[in-house]
Protein backbone atom coordinates (compact mmCIF):
# COMPACT_ATOMS: atom_id res chain seq x y z
CA UNK A 1 46.99 93.48 125.65
CA UNK A 2 50.55 94.71 125.17
CA UNK A 3 51.37 96.59 122.01
CA UNK A 4 53.93 95.02 119.73
CA UNK A 5 56.86 97.20 118.84
CA UNK A 6 56.79 97.97 115.17
CA UNK A 7 59.99 97.12 113.28
CA UNK A 8 59.50 100.42 111.43
CA UNK A 9 60.03 102.43 114.61
CA UNK A 10 63.18 104.49 114.68
CA UNK A 11 65.38 103.47 117.66
CA UNK A 12 67.45 106.61 117.14
CA UNK A 13 64.45 108.71 118.22
CA UNK A 14 64.37 107.04 121.64
CA UNK A 15 68.13 107.42 121.98
CA UNK A 16 67.73 111.10 121.10
CA UNK A 17 65.16 111.54 123.89
CA UNK A 18 67.51 109.85 126.34
CA UNK A 19 70.30 112.22 125.34
CA UNK A 20 68.38 115.38 126.25
CA UNK A 21 70.21 117.23 128.98
CA UNK A 22 67.57 119.41 130.63
CA UNK A 23 63.84 119.88 130.98
CA UNK A 24 64.06 122.99 128.80
CA UNK A 25 65.94 121.13 126.06
CA UNK A 26 63.36 118.33 126.25
CA UNK A 27 60.48 120.80 125.96
CA UNK A 28 62.10 122.48 122.97
CA UNK A 29 62.81 119.11 121.32
CA UNK A 30 59.17 118.06 121.54
CA UNK A 31 57.97 121.49 120.43
CA UNK A 32 60.18 121.17 117.34
CA UNK A 33 59.12 117.60 116.65
CA UNK A 34 55.39 117.68 117.43
CA UNK A 35 52.51 119.82 116.29
CA UNK A 36 50.71 121.82 118.96
CA UNK A 37 47.79 119.36 118.93
CA UNK A 38 50.09 116.32 119.20
CA UNK A 39 51.91 117.84 122.16
CA UNK A 40 48.63 118.81 123.82
CA UNK A 41 47.33 115.24 123.39
CA UNK A 42 50.48 113.74 124.93
CA UNK A 43 50.40 116.18 127.84
CA UNK A 44 46.69 115.52 128.40
CA UNK A 45 47.19 111.74 128.47
CA UNK A 46 50.04 112.14 130.96
CA UNK A 47 47.87 114.35 133.18
CA UNK A 48 44.99 111.84 132.97
CA UNK A 49 47.36 109.01 133.96
CA UNK A 50 48.53 110.95 137.00
CA UNK A 51 44.98 111.75 138.09
CA UNK A 52 43.97 108.10 137.67
CA UNK A 53 46.87 107.09 139.91
CA UNK A 54 45.63 109.67 142.42
CA UNK A 55 42.35 107.69 142.40
CA UNK A 56 40.34 110.53 140.87
CA UNK A 57 36.99 109.58 139.35
CA UNK A 58 36.27 109.97 135.63
CA UNK A 59 34.04 113.03 136.11
CA UNK A 60 36.73 114.92 138.05
CA UNK A 61 39.34 113.98 135.43
CA UNK A 62 37.02 115.05 132.62
CA UNK A 63 36.40 118.43 134.28
CA UNK A 64 40.06 119.04 135.09
CA UNK A 65 41.63 117.90 131.81
CA UNK A 66 38.80 118.25 129.25
CA UNK A 67 39.75 114.75 128.06
CA UNK A 68 36.99 112.64 126.55
CA UNK A 69 35.73 109.60 128.41
CA UNK A 70 37.21 107.42 125.64
CA UNK A 71 40.64 109.02 126.21
CA UNK A 72 40.31 108.49 129.96
CA UNK A 73 39.35 104.84 129.39
CA UNK A 74 42.26 104.33 126.98
CA UNK A 75 44.71 105.85 129.47
CA UNK A 76 43.22 103.73 132.28
CA UNK A 77 43.95 100.58 130.23
CA UNK A 78 47.47 101.88 129.58
CA UNK A 79 48.13 102.59 133.27
CA UNK A 80 46.83 99.22 134.40
CA UNK A 81 48.22 97.26 131.43
CA UNK A 82 51.16 94.92 131.14
CA UNK A 83 53.81 97.47 130.19
CA UNK A 84 53.15 99.93 133.02
CA UNK A 85 56.02 102.25 132.12
CA UNK A 86 53.98 105.45 132.43
CA UNK A 87 52.86 104.33 135.88
CA UNK A 88 56.45 103.45 136.81
CA UNK A 89 57.71 106.88 135.74
CA UNK A 90 54.85 108.73 137.44
CA UNK A 91 55.52 106.86 140.68
CA UNK A 92 59.23 107.57 140.37
CA UNK A 93 58.51 111.31 140.07
CA UNK A 94 55.69 111.27 142.64
CA UNK A 95 56.47 108.57 145.25
CA UNK A 96 53.16 109.17 147.04
CA UNK A 97 51.36 107.71 143.99
CA UNK A 98 52.98 104.33 144.68
CA UNK A 99 51.58 104.16 148.20
CA UNK A 100 48.49 102.10 148.98
CA UNK A 101 45.33 104.25 149.29
CA UNK A 102 45.23 103.76 153.09
CA UNK A 103 48.69 105.39 153.43
CA UNK A 104 48.04 108.42 151.22
CA UNK A 105 47.48 111.75 152.91
């Protein structure tokens, strides 16, 4: 089920992210904006999404990321869900993830 965008969300925040000019500036922006635990959670979910797209099994993902099985399940739903933006971005950055399993090295 797709999430509805809340009218309370601040569009300026997303514009601010799009205005960041380098990876370092982006890292610093998120370090300023997020607590250490929030940033760790976001990074962990991103890593889980990538490993899921690499067709890793839950146990391997759990061992590599220390994510809970509920987090892995939640990210799996996100990656396979209607929006698919995380998957789109991961495949853009890692074109081999977009290949069918039979074509992967």
